[in-house]
Amino acid sequence: MSRVCELTGKKAMVGNNVSHALNRTKRKFGANLVKKRFYIPEEDKWVTLKVSTSALKTINKIGISAAIKEAKSKGFLK
């Protein structure tokens, strides 16, 4: 499975390594992802999501239920 955040859709970006002599070679900037279990009290169940650390901050701020609802409306989560 690819390294994509399930709530925000963040994925790897492409850029360059730049040496001291300004030689450029391609590289990837991976998303900062963690696998985390969340308890959803409305459904009384645990779900495991692969989320970015910025999505974790959002979950702490607005709650897991609101974050999942927002992700479903944006089409990132089924």
C-alpha atoms as a PDB file:
ATOM      1  CA  MET A   1       0.000   0.000   0.000  1.00  0.00           C
ATOM      2  CA  SER A   2       1.287   3.468  -0.819  1.00  0.00           C
ATOM      3  CA  ARG A   3       2.285   5.941   1.854  1.00  0.00           C
ATOM      4  CA  VAL A   4      -0.726   8.274   1.739  1.00  0.00           C
ATOM      5  CA  CYS A   5      -2.520   9.879   4.674  1.00  0.00           C
ATOM      6  CA  GLU A   6      -6.049   8.477   4.898  1.00  0.00           C
ATOM      7  CA  LEU A   7      -7.543  11.702   6.303  1.00  0.00           C
ATOM      8  CA  THR A   8      -5.770  14.472   4.390  1.00  0.00           C
ATOM      9  CA  GLY A   9      -4.540  12.708   1.248  1.00  0.00           C
ATOM     10  CA  LYS A  10      -0.950  13.860   1.780  1.00  0.00           C
ATOM     11  CA  LYS A  11       1.614  11.832  -0.151  1.00  0.00           C
ATOM     12  CA  ALA A  12       5.260  11.990  -1.246  1.00  0.00           C
ATOM     13  CA  MET A  13       6.542  15.052  -3.098  1.00  0.00           C
ATOM     14  CA  VAL A  14       9.358  15.116  -5.640  1.00  0.00           C
ATOM     15  CA  GLY A  15      12.294  17.495  -5.403  1.00  0.00           C
ATOM     16  CA  ASN A  16      16.041  17.747  -5.767  1.00  0.00           C
ATOM     17  CA  ASN A  17      19.088  16.983  -3.676  1.00  0.00           C
ATOM     18  CA  VAL A  18      21.343  20.001  -4.168  1.00  0.00           C
ATOM     19  CA  SER A  19      25.051  19.525  -3.533  1.00  0.00           C
ATOM     20  CA  HIS A  20      27.529  22.224  -2.536  1.00  0.00           C
ATOM     21  CA  ALA A  21      28.508  22.450  -6.233  1.00  0.00           C
ATOM     22  CA  LEU A  22      24.770  22.943  -7.060  1.00  0.00           C
ATOM     23  CA  ASN A  23      24.478  19.566  -8.814  1.00  0.00           C
ATOM     24  CA  ARG A  24      20.860  18.453  -8.714  1.00  0.00           C
ATOM     25  CA  THR A  25      19.601  14.876  -8.462  1.00  0.00           C
ATOM     26  CA  LYS A  26      15.991  13.778  -8.007  1.00  0.00           C
ATOM     27  CA  ARG A  27      14.715  12.703  -4.597  1.00  0.00           C
ATOM     28  CA  LYS A  28      11.428  12.125  -2.793  1.00  0.00           C
ATOM     29  CA  PHE A  29      10.110  13.885   0.287  1.00  0.00           C
ATOM     30  CA  GLY A  30       7.969  11.265   2.049  1.00  0.00           C
ATOM     31  CA  ALA A  31       4.903  12.160   4.104  1.00  0.00           C
ATOM     32  CA  ASN A  32       5.364  11.935   7.885  1.00  0.00           C
ATOM     33  CA  LEU A  33       2.916   9.086   8.567  1.00  0.00           C
ATOM     34  CA  VAL A  34       2.064   7.076  11.670  1.00  0.00           C
ATOM     35  CA  LYS A  35      -0.269   4.110  12.096  1.00  0.00           C
ATOM     36  CA  LYS A  36      -2.678   4.923  14.931  1.00  0.00           C
ATOM     37  CA  ARG A  37      -5.771   3.376  16.520  1.00  0.00           C
ATOM     38  CA  PHE A  38      -8.689   5.667  17.346  1.00  0.00           C
ATOM     39  CA  TYR A  39     -11.814   4.976  19.380  1.00  0.00           C
ATOM     40  CA  ILE A  40     -15.057   6.267  17.874  1.00  0.00           C
ATOM     41  CA  PRO A  41     -17.635   6.505  20.687  1.00  0.00           C
ATOM     42  CA  GLU A  42     -20.609   7.098  18.345  1.00  0.00           C
ATOM     43  CA  GLU A  43     -20.021   3.732  16.639  1.00  0.00           C
ATOM     44  CA  ASP A  44     -18.495   2.114  19.767  1.00  0.00           C
ATOM     45  CA  LYS A  45     -15.523   0.695  17.850  1.00  0.00           C
ATOM     46  CA  TRP A  46     -11.799   1.105  17.249  1.00  0.00           C
ATOM     47  CA  VAL A  47     -10.402   2.003  13.820  1.00  0.00           C
ATOM     48  CA  THR A  48      -6.780   1.905  12.664  1.00  0.00           C
ATOM     49  CA  LEU A  49      -5.741   4.714  10.328  1.00  0.00           C
ATOM     50  CA  LYS A  50      -2.475   5.663   8.651  1.00  0.00           C
ATOM     51  CA  VAL A  51      -2.409   9.428   9.232  1.00  0.00           C
ATOM     52  CA  SER A  52       0.090  12.245   8.899  1.00  0.00           C
ATOM     53  CA  THR A  53       1.289  13.955  12.045  1.00  0.00           C
ATOM     54  CA  SER A  54      -0.434  17.175  10.945  1.00  0.00           C
ATOM     55  CA  ALA A  55      -3.695  15.184  10.744  1.00  0.00           C
ATOM     56  CA  LEU A  56      -3.077  14.041  14.341  1.00  0.00           C
ATOM     57  CA  LYS A  57      -2.967  17.694  15.407  1.00  0.00           C
ATOM     58  CA  THR A  58      -6.252  18.276  13.578  1.00  0.00           C
ATOM     59  CA  ILE A  59      -7.822  15.250  15.296  1.00  0.00           C
ATOM     60  CA  ASN A  60      -6.708  16.593  18.682  1.00  0.00           C
ATOM     61  CA  LYS A  61      -8.282  19.939  17.833  1.00  0.00           C
ATOM     62  CA  ILE A  62     -11.643  18.985  16.258  1.00  0.00           C
ATOM     63  CA  GLY A  63     -12.049  15.330  17.281  1.00  0.00           C
ATOM     64  CA  ILE A  64     -11.875  12.051  15.389  1.00  0.00           C
ATOM     65  CA  SER A  65     -15.556  11.996  14.384  1.00  0.00           C
ATOM     66  CA  ALA A  66     -15.399  15.442  12.778  1.00  0.00           C
ATOM     67  CA  ALA A  67     -12.090  14.617  11.065  1.00  0.00           C
ATOM     68  CA  ILE A  68     -13.500  11.405   9.564  1.00  0.00           C
ATOM     69  CA  LYS A  69     -16.650  13.218   8.444  1.00  0.00           C
ATOM     70  CA  GLU A  70     -14.531  15.902   6.742  1.00  0.00           C
ATOM     71  CA  ALA A  71     -12.312  13.290   5.052  1.00  0.00           C
ATOM     72  CA  LYS A  72     -15.359  11.456   3.711  1.00  0.00           C
ATOM     73  CA  SER A  73     -16.798  14.693   2.290  1.00  0.00           C
ATOM     74  CA  LYS A  74     -13.487  15.420   0.529  1.00  0.00           C
ATOM     75  CA  GLY A  75     -13.306  11.857  -0.818  1.00  0.00           C
ATOM     76  CA  PHE A  76     -10.157  10.691   0.997  1.00  0.00           C
ATOM     77  CA  LEU A  77     -11.965   8.075   3.114  1.00  0.00           C
ATOM     78  CA  LYS A  78     -14.694   5.665   2.043  1.00  0.00           C
END
